[in-house]
Amino acid sequence: YFYHANVKTPAWLRYFIQTPELHSIHHQYDLHTFNYSDLPIWDRLFGTYRDTTEFTNRCGFPEGAEQRLPEMLVFKDVYVKSV
């Protein structure tokens, strides 16, 4: 997917499609709750839109979360502690 590329895009493009800069917020370390959609209009409508023209500094999951892949595959939130 285009928005997983590490390329700078024109700022005006973010009004129409998900750009790599916007999608990097979705992958930001310890956040992951914004900019889900390929079309930013949906994130704006559902309150999950965050705007930026820069890339986030740190991406990924907190330590140990990657070990919870089976839970991720059934759409469980790996940020919530297991009981």
PDB file of N, CA and C in Angstrom:
ATOM      1  N   TYR A   1       0.815  -1.185   0.000  1.00  0.00           N
ATOM      2  CA  TYR A   1       0.000   0.000   0.000  1.00  0.00           C
ATOM      3  C   TYR A   1       0.860   1.251   0.000  1.00  0.00           C
ATOM      4  N   PHE A   2       0.406   2.228  -0.720  1.00  0.00           N
ATOM      5  CA  PHE A   2       1.107   3.501  -0.879  1.00  0.00           C
ATOM      6  C   PHE A   2       1.396   4.182   0.457  1.00  0.00           C
ATOM      7  N   TYR A   3       0.432   4.159   1.368  1.00  0.00           N
ATOM      8  CA  TYR A   3       0.608   4.908   2.614  1.00  0.00           C
ATOM      9  C   TYR A   3       1.578   4.248   3.586  1.00  0.00           C
ATOM     10  N   HIS A   4       2.081   3.064   3.260  1.00  0.00           N
ATOM     11  CA  HIS A   4       3.132   2.456   4.073  1.00  0.00           C
ATOM     12  C   HIS A   4       4.531   2.817   3.558  1.00  0.00           C
ATOM     13  N   ALA A   5       4.595   3.564   2.470  1.00  0.00           N
ATOM     14  CA  ALA A   5       5.886   4.005   1.934  1.00  0.00           C
ATOM     15  C   ALA A   5       6.412   5.171   2.771  1.00  0.00           C
ATOM     16  N   ASN A   6       7.693   5.291   2.844  1.00  0.00           N
ATOM     17  CA  ASN A   6       8.312   6.378   3.598  1.00  0.00           C
ATOM     18  C   ASN A   6       8.695   7.492   2.633  1.00  0.00           C
ATOM     19  N   VAL A   7       7.670   8.101   2.025  1.00  0.00           N
ATOM     20  CA  VAL A   7       7.902   9.170   1.055  1.00  0.00           C
ATOM     21  C   VAL A   7       7.114  10.410   1.466  1.00  0.00           C
ATOM     22  N   LYS A   8       7.683  11.563   1.198  1.00  0.00           N
ATOM     23  CA  LYS A   8       7.022  12.839   1.478  1.00  0.00           C
ATOM     24  C   LYS A   8       6.007  13.102   0.373  1.00  0.00           C
ATOM     25  N   THR A   9       4.824  13.553   0.748  1.00  0.00           N
ATOM     26  CA  THR A   9       3.768  13.818  -0.236  1.00  0.00           C
ATOM     27  C   THR A   9       3.318  15.272  -0.128  1.00  0.00           C
ATOM     28  N   PRO A  10       2.699  15.803  -1.187  1.00  0.00           N
ATOM     29  CA  PRO A  10       2.180  17.175  -1.116  1.00  0.00           C
ATOM     30  C   PRO A  10       1.094  17.274  -0.037  1.00  0.00           C
ATOM     31  N   ALA A  11       1.100  18.360   0.722  1.00  0.00           N
ATOM     32  CA  ALA A  11       0.156  18.525   1.835  1.00  0.00           C
ATOM     33  C   ALA A  11      -1.299  18.472   1.372  1.00  0.00           C
ATOM     34  N   TRP A  12      -1.608  18.970   0.189  1.00  0.00           N
ATOM     35  CA  TRP A  12      -2.997  18.996  -0.282  1.00  0.00           C
ATOM     36  C   TRP A  12      -3.567  17.598  -0.493  1.00  0.00           C
ATOM     37  N   LEU A  13      -2.707  16.605  -0.721  1.00  0.00           N
ATOM     38  CA  LEU A  13      -3.156  15.241  -1.002  1.00  0.00           C
ATOM     39  C   LEU A  13      -3.876  14.614   0.191  1.00  0.00           C
ATOM     40  N   ARG A  14      -3.515  15.029   1.413  1.00  0.00           N
ATOM     41  CA  ARG A  14      -4.097  14.430   2.618  1.00  0.00           C
ATOM     42  C   ARG A  14      -5.585  14.706   2.775  1.00  0.00           C
ATOM     43  N   TYR A  15      -6.133  15.637   2.001  1.00  0.00           N
ATOM     44  CA  TYR A  15      -7.575  15.892   2.053  1.00  0.00           C
ATOM     45  C   TYR A  15      -8.368  14.848   1.275  1.00  0.00           C
ATOM     46  N   PHE A  16      -7.702  14.114   0.399  1.00  0.00           N
ATOM     47  CA  PHE A  16      -8.394  13.174  -0.479  1.00  0.00           C
ATOM     48  C   PHE A  16      -8.097  11.709  -0.186  1.00  0.00           C
ATOM     49  N   ILE A  17      -6.827  11.403   0.093  1.00  0.00           N
ATOM     50  CA  ILE A  17      -6.448  10.012   0.371  1.00  0.00           C
ATOM     51  C   ILE A  17      -5.505   9.968   1.572  1.00  0.00           C
ATOM     52  N   GLN A  18      -5.403   8.799   2.144  1.00  0.00           N
ATOM     53  CA  GLN A  18      -4.464   8.586   3.248  1.00  0.00           C
ATOM     54  C   GLN A  18      -3.040   8.738   2.706  1.00  0.00           C
ATOM     55  N   THR A  19      -2.243   9.563   3.342  1.00  0.00           N
ATOM     56  CA  THR A  19      -0.852   9.741   2.918  1.00  0.00           C
ATOM     57  C   THR A  19       0.066   9.019   3.909  1.00  0.00           C
ATOM     58  N   PRO A  20       1.301   8.764   3.515  1.00  0.00           N
ATOM     59  CA  PRO A  20       2.226   8.117   4.446  1.00  0.00           C
ATOM     60  C   PRO A  20       2.394   8.894   5.755  1.00  0.00           C
ATOM     61  N   GLU A  21       2.411  10.226   5.679  1.00  0.00           N
ATOM     62  CA  GLU A  21       2.559  11.030   6.892  1.00  0.00           C
ATOM     63  C   GLU A  21       1.371  10.823   7.834  1.00  0.00           C
ATOM     64  N   LEU A  22       0.151  10.854   7.276  1.00  0.00           N
ATOM     65  CA  LEU A  22      -1.047  10.647   8.100  1.00  0.00           C
ATOM     66  C   LEU A  22      -1.089   9.239   8.668  1.00  0.00           C
ATOM     67  N   HIS A  23      -0.767   8.265   7.854  1.00  0.00           N
ATOM     68  CA  HIS A  23      -0.851   6.877   8.309  1.00  0.00           C
ATOM     69  C   HIS A  23       0.218   6.558   9.353  1.00  0.00           C
ATOM     70  N   SER A  24       1.317   7.312   9.348  1.00  0.00           N
ATOM     71  CA  SER A  24       2.351   7.063  10.356  1.00  0.00           C
ATOM     72  C   SER A  24       1.818   7.324  11.764  1.00  0.00           C
ATOM     73  N   ILE A  25       0.806   8.181  11.902  1.00  0.00           N
ATOM     74  CA  ILE A  25       0.177   8.403  13.208  1.00  0.00           C
ATOM     75  C   ILE A  25      -0.485   7.115  13.679  1.00  0.00           C
ATOM     76  N   HIS A  26      -1.101   6.377  12.753  1.00  0.00           N
ATOM     77  CA  HIS A  26      -1.755   5.105  13.086  1.00  0.00           C
ATOM     78  C   HIS A  26      -0.747   4.092  13.637  1.00  0.00           C
ATOM     79  N   HIS A  27       0.482   4.163  13.174  1.00  0.00           N
ATOM     80  CA  HIS A  27       1.518   3.226  13.617  1.00  0.00           C
ATOM     81  C   HIS A  27       2.397   3.789  14.732  1.00  0.00           C
ATOM     82  N   GLN A  28       2.076   4.994  15.209  1.00  0.00           N
ATOM     83  CA  GLN A  28       2.895   5.630  16.241  1.00  0.00           C
ATOM     84  C   GLN A  28       2.929   4.783  17.504  1.00  0.00           C
ATOM     85  N   TYR A  29       4.078   4.726  18.120  1.00  0.00           N
ATOM     86  CA  TYR A  29       4.282   3.928  19.330  1.00  0.00           C
ATOM     87  C   TYR A  29       3.282   4.319  20.408  1.00  0.00           C
ATOM     88  N   ASP A  30       2.611   3.327  20.952  1.00  0.00           N
ATOM     89  CA  ASP A  30       1.680   3.495  22.066  1.00  0.00           C
ATOM     90  C   ASP A  30       0.504   4.414  21.744  1.00  0.00           C
ATOM     91  N   LEU A  31       0.035   4.435  20.506  1.00  0.00           N
ATOM     92  CA  LEU A  31      -1.107   5.264  20.128  1.00  0.00           C
ATOM     93  C   LEU A  31      -2.104   4.429  19.335  1.00  0.00           C
ATOM     94  N   HIS A  32      -1.899   4.257  18.047  1.00  0.00           N
ATOM     95  CA  HIS A  32      -2.667   3.353  17.179  1.00  0.00           C
ATOM     96  C   HIS A  32      -4.180   3.572  17.143  1.00  0.00           C
ATOM     97  N   THR A  33      -4.692   4.715  17.551  1.00  0.00           N
ATOM     98  CA  THR A  33      -6.144   4.891  17.586  1.00  0.00           C
ATOM     99  C   THR A  33      -6.648   5.953  16.619  1.00  0.00           C
ATOM    100  N   PHE A  34      -5.834   6.330  15.652  1.00  0.00           N
ATOM    101  CA  PHE A  34      -6.229   7.363  14.710  1.00  0.00           C
ATOM    102  C   PHE A  34      -5.852   6.975  13.283  1.00  0.00           C
ATOM    103  N   ASN A  35      -6.498   7.638  12.317  1.00  0.00           N
ATOM    104  CA  ASN A  35      -6.186   7.531  10.889  1.00  0.00           C
ATOM    105  C   ASN A  35      -6.220   6.091  10.379  1.00  0.00           C
ATOM    106  N   TYR A  36      -7.365   5.459  10.533  1.00  0.00           N
ATOM    107  CA  TYR A  36      -7.562   4.078  10.088  1.00  0.00           C
ATOM    108  C   TYR A  36      -7.847   3.962   8.589  1.00  0.00           C
ATOM    109  N   SER A  37      -8.619   4.885   8.062  1.00  0.00           N
ATOM    110  CA  SER A  37      -9.213   4.728   6.735  1.00  0.00           C
ATOM    111  C   SER A  37      -8.276   5.095   5.585  1.00  0.00           C
ATOM    112  N   ASP A  38      -8.556   4.522   4.422  1.00  0.00           N
ATOM    113  CA  ASP A  38      -7.849   4.919   3.200  1.00  0.00           C
ATOM    114  C   ASP A  38      -8.305   6.301   2.744  1.00  0.00           C
ATOM    115  N   LEU A  39      -9.531   6.660   3.120  1.00  0.00           N
ATOM    116  CA  LEU A  39     -10.100   7.960   2.759  1.00  0.00           C
ATOM    117  C   LEU A  39     -10.286   8.779   4.037  1.00  0.00           C
ATOM    118  N   PRO A  40      -9.540   9.861   4.203  1.00  0.00           N
ATOM    119  CA  PRO A  40      -9.590  10.649   5.437  1.00  0.00           C
ATOM    120  C   PRO A  40     -10.979  11.162   5.808  1.00  0.00           C
ATOM    121  N   ILE A  41     -11.884  11.251   4.857  1.00  0.00           N
ATOM    122  CA  ILE A  41     -13.237  11.712   5.169  1.00  0.00           C
ATOM    123  C   ILE A  41     -13.885  10.831   6.235  1.00  0.00           C
ATOM    124  N   TRP A  42     -13.634   9.524   6.193  1.00  0.00           N
ATOM    125  CA  TRP A  42     -14.220   8.612   7.182  1.00  0.00           C
ATOM    126  C   TRP A  42     -13.645   8.857   8.569  1.00  0.00           C
ATOM    127  N   ASP A  43     -12.347   9.063   8.653  1.00  0.00           N
ATOM    128  CA  ASP A  43     -11.740   9.367   9.950  1.00  0.00           C
ATOM    129  C   ASP A  43     -12.250  10.706  10.485  1.00  0.00           C
ATOM    130  N   ARG A  44     -12.461  11.657   9.610  1.00  0.00           N
ATOM    131  CA  ARG A  44     -13.012  12.948  10.045  1.00  0.00           C
ATOM    132  C   ARG A  44     -14.431  12.763  10.582  1.00  0.00           C
ATOM    133  N   LEU A  45     -15.247  11.986   9.879  1.00  0.00           N
ATOM    134  CA  LEU A  45     -16.634  11.763  10.303  1.00  0.00           C
ATOM    135  C   LEU A  45     -16.730  11.019  11.631  1.00  0.00           C
ATOM    136  N   PHE A  46     -15.831  10.062  11.866  1.00  0.00           N
ATOM    137  CA  PHE A  46     -15.898   9.245  13.073  1.00  0.00           C
ATOM    138  C   PHE A  46     -14.985   9.732  14.200  1.00  0.00           C
ATOM    139  N   GLY A  47     -14.342  10.890  14.004  1.00  0.00           N
ATOM    140  CA  GLY A  47     -13.528  11.469  15.073  1.00  0.00           C
ATOM    141  C   GLY A  47     -12.193  10.791  15.298  1.00  0.00           C
ATOM    142  N   THR A  48     -11.719  10.044  14.306  1.00  0.00           N
ATOM    143  CA  THR A  48     -10.436   9.350  14.458  1.00  0.00           C
ATOM    144  C   THR A  48      -9.341   9.974  13.590  1.00  0.00           C
ATOM    145  N   TYR A  49      -9.578  11.180  13.082  1.00  0.00           N
ATOM    146  CA  TYR A  49      -8.614  11.852  12.211  1.00  0.00           C
ATOM    147  C   TYR A  49      -7.641  12.699  13.025  1.00  0.00           C
ATOM    148  N   ARG A  50      -6.371  12.587  12.730  1.00  0.00           N
ATOM    149  CA  ARG A  50      -5.338  13.462  13.275  1.00  0.00           C
ATOM    150  C   ARG A  50      -4.490  13.924  12.107  1.00  0.00           C
ATOM    151  N   ASP A  51      -4.262  15.237  12.032  1.00  0.00           N
ATOM    152  CA  ASP A  51      -3.574  15.832  10.895  1.00  0.00           C
ATOM    153  C   ASP A  51      -2.086  16.033  11.183  1.00  0.00           C
ATOM    154  N   THR A  52      -1.279  15.850  10.172  1.00  0.00           N
ATOM    155  CA  THR A  52       0.155  16.137  10.252  1.00  0.00           C
ATOM    156  C   THR A  52       0.739  16.162   8.847  1.00  0.00           C
ATOM    157  N   THR A  53       1.841  16.839   8.705  1.00  0.00           N
ATOM    158  CA  THR A  53       2.585  16.800   7.441  1.00  0.00           C
ATOM    159  C   THR A  53       3.965  16.186   7.665  1.00  0.00           C
ATOM    160  N   GLU A  54       4.191  15.685   8.878  1.00  0.00           N
ATOM    161  CA  GLU A  54       5.476  15.087   9.243  1.00  0.00           C
ATOM    162  C   GLU A  54       5.297  13.623   9.618  1.00  0.00           C
ATOM    163  N   PHE A  55       6.386  12.879   9.601  1.00  0.00           N
ATOM    164  CA  PHE A  55       6.369  11.488  10.032  1.00  0.00           C
ATOM    165  C   PHE A  55       6.569  11.418  11.542  1.00  0.00           C
ATOM    166  N   THR A  56       5.967  10.425  12.179  1.00  0.00           N
ATOM    167  CA  THR A  56       6.172  10.239  13.613  1.00  0.00           C
ATOM    168  C   THR A  56       7.579   9.717  13.858  1.00  0.00           C
ATOM    169  N   ASN A  57       8.085   9.968  15.038  1.00  0.00           N
ATOM    170  CA  ASN A  57       9.452   9.563  15.363  1.00  0.00           C
ATOM    171  C   ASN A  57       9.579   8.088  15.676  1.00  0.00           C
ATOM    172  N   ARG A  58       8.659   7.552  16.447  1.00  0.00           N
ATOM    173  CA  ARG A  58       8.776   6.166  16.892  1.00  0.00           C
ATOM    174  C   ARG A  58       7.503   5.410  16.541  1.00  0.00           C
ATOM    175  N   CYS A  59       7.667   4.265  15.909  1.00  0.00           N
ATOM    176  CA  CYS A  59       6.523   3.442  15.516  1.00  0.00           C
ATOM    177  C   CYS A  59       6.633   2.071  16.164  1.00  0.00           C
ATOM    178  N   GLY A  60       5.503   1.379  16.229  1.00  0.00           N
ATOM    179  CA  GLY A  60       5.528   0.003  16.699  1.00  0.00           C
ATOM    180  C   GLY A  60       4.714  -0.237  17.950  1.00  0.00           C
ATOM    181  N   PHE A  61       4.826  -1.448  18.458  1.00  0.00           N
ATOM    182  CA  PHE A  61       4.100  -1.874  19.651  1.00  0.00           C
ATOM    183  C   PHE A  61       4.996  -1.801  20.874  1.00  0.00           C
ATOM    184  N   PRO A  62       4.396  -1.676  22.061  1.00  0.00           N
ATOM    185  CA  PRO A  62       5.203  -1.740  23.280  1.00  0.00           C
ATOM    186  C   PRO A  62       5.836  -3.117  23.439  1.00  0.00           C
ATOM    187  N   GLU A  63       6.855  -3.192  24.252  1.00  0.00           N
ATOM    188  CA  GLU A  63       7.578  -4.445  24.447  1.00  0.00           C
ATOM    189  C   GLU A  63       6.623  -5.568  24.847  1.00  0.00           C
ATOM    190  N   GLY A  64       6.747  -6.688  24.177  1.00  0.00           N
ATOM    191  CA  GLY A  64       5.935  -7.862  24.480  1.00  0.00           C
ATOM    192  C   GLY A  64       4.649  -7.963  23.685  1.00  0.00           C
ATOM    193  N   ALA A  65       4.152  -6.855  23.150  1.00  0.00           N
ATOM    194  CA  ALA A  65       2.883  -6.896  22.420  1.00  0.00           C
ATOM    195  C   ALA A  65       2.987  -7.740  21.156  1.00  0.00           C
ATOM    196  N   GLU A  66       4.151  -7.736  20.516  1.00  0.00           N
ATOM    197  CA  GLU A  66       4.307  -8.537  19.291  1.00  0.00           C
ATOM    198  C   GLU A  66       4.183 -10.030  19.574  1.00  0.00           C
ATOM    199  N   GLN A  67       4.360 -10.431  20.825  1.00  0.00           N
ATOM    200  CA  GLN A  67       4.188 -11.839  21.203  1.00  0.00           C
ATOM    201  C   GLN A  67       2.714 -12.233  21.244  1.00  0.00           C
ATOM    202  N   ARG A  68       1.841 -11.248  21.141  1.00  0.00           N
ATOM    203  CA  ARG A  68       0.402 -11.494  21.225  1.00  0.00           C
ATOM    204  C   ARG A  68      -0.242 -11.511  19.836  1.00  0.00           C
ATOM    205  N   LEU A  69       0.500 -11.946  18.843  1.00  0.00           N
ATOM    206  CA  LEU A  69       0.012 -11.999  17.470  1.00  0.00           C
ATOM    207  C   LEU A  69      -1.300 -12.769  17.330  1.00  0.00           C
ATOM    208  N   PRO A  70      -1.474 -13.941  17.939  1.00  0.00           N
ATOM    209  CA  PRO A  70      -2.759 -14.643  17.803  1.00  0.00           C
ATOM    210  C   PRO A  70      -3.947 -13.779  18.245  1.00  0.00           C
ATOM    211  N   GLU A  71      -3.750 -12.979  19.282  1.00  0.00           N
ATOM    212  CA  GLU A  71      -4.821 -12.090  19.735  1.00  0.00           C
ATOM    213  C   GLU A  71      -5.083 -10.987  18.713  1.00  0.00           C
ATOM    214  N   MET A  72      -4.018 -10.468  18.122  1.00  0.00           N
ATOM    215  CA  MET A  72      -4.178  -9.436  17.095  1.00  0.00           C
ATOM    216  C   MET A  72      -4.958  -9.969  15.901  1.00  0.00           C
ATOM    217  N   LEU A  73      -4.713 -11.225  15.539  1.00  0.00           N
ATOM    218  CA  LEU A  73      -5.373 -11.814  14.373  1.00  0.00           C
ATOM    219  C   LEU A  73      -6.879 -11.974  14.557  1.00  0.00           C
ATOM    220  N   VAL A  74      -7.344 -11.953  15.801  1.00  0.00           N
ATOM    221  CA  VAL A  74      -8.793 -11.991  16.051  1.00  0.00           C
ATOM    222  C   VAL A  74      -9.263 -10.628  16.579  1.00  0.00           C
ATOM    223  N   PHE A  75      -8.497  -9.585  16.229  1.00  0.00           N
ATOM    224  CA  PHE A  75      -8.856  -8.189  16.484  1.00  0.00           C
ATOM    225  C   PHE A  75      -8.967  -7.821  17.957  1.00  0.00           C
ATOM    226  N   LYS A  76      -8.170  -8.454  18.805  1.00  0.00           N
ATOM    227  CA  LYS A  76      -8.113  -8.068  20.222  1.00  0.00           C
ATOM    228  C   LYS A  76      -7.120  -6.918  20.368  1.00  0.00           C
ATOM    229  N   ASP A  77      -7.400  -6.043  21.307  1.00  0.00           N
ATOM    230  CA  ASP A  77      -6.520  -4.910  21.576  1.00  0.00           C
ATOM    231  C   ASP A  77      -5.337  -5.381  22.419  1.00  0.00           C
ATOM    232  N   VAL A  78      -4.149  -5.395  21.842  1.00  0.00           N
ATOM    233  CA  VAL A  78      -2.972  -5.888  22.560  1.00  0.00           C
ATOM    234  C   VAL A  78      -2.440  -4.873  23.563  1.00  0.00           C
ATOM    235  N   TYR A  79      -3.035  -3.708  23.609  1.00  0.00           N
ATOM    236  CA  TYR A  79      -2.648  -2.723  24.615  1.00  0.00           C
ATOM    237  C   TYR A  79      -3.334  -2.979  25.944  1.00  0.00           C
ATOM    238  N   VAL A  80      -4.438  -3.718  25.918  1.00  0.00           N
ATOM    239  CA  VAL A  80      -5.149  -4.065  27.144  1.00  0.00           C
ATOM    240  C   VAL A  80      -4.450  -5.266  27.757  1.00  0.00           C
ATOM    241  N   LYS A  81      -4.168  -5.201  29.029  1.00  0.00           N
ATOM    242  CA  LYS A  81      -3.476  -6.303  29.709  1.00  0.00           C
ATOM    243  C   LYS A  81      -4.344  -7.554  29.704  1.00  0.00           C
ATOM    244  N   SER A  82      -3.728  -8.718  29.510  1.00  0.00           N
ATOM    245  CA  SER A  82      -4.445  -9.996  29.572  1.00  0.00           C
ATOM    246  C   SER A  82      -4.875 -10.265  31.007  1.00  0.00           C
ATOM    247  N   VAL A  83      -6.040 -10.904  31.140  1.00  0.00           N
ATOM    248  CA  VAL A  83      -6.536 -11.246  32.480  1.00  0.00           C
ATOM    249  C   VAL A  83      -6.201 -12.664  32.818  1.00  0.00           C
TER     250      VAL A  83
END
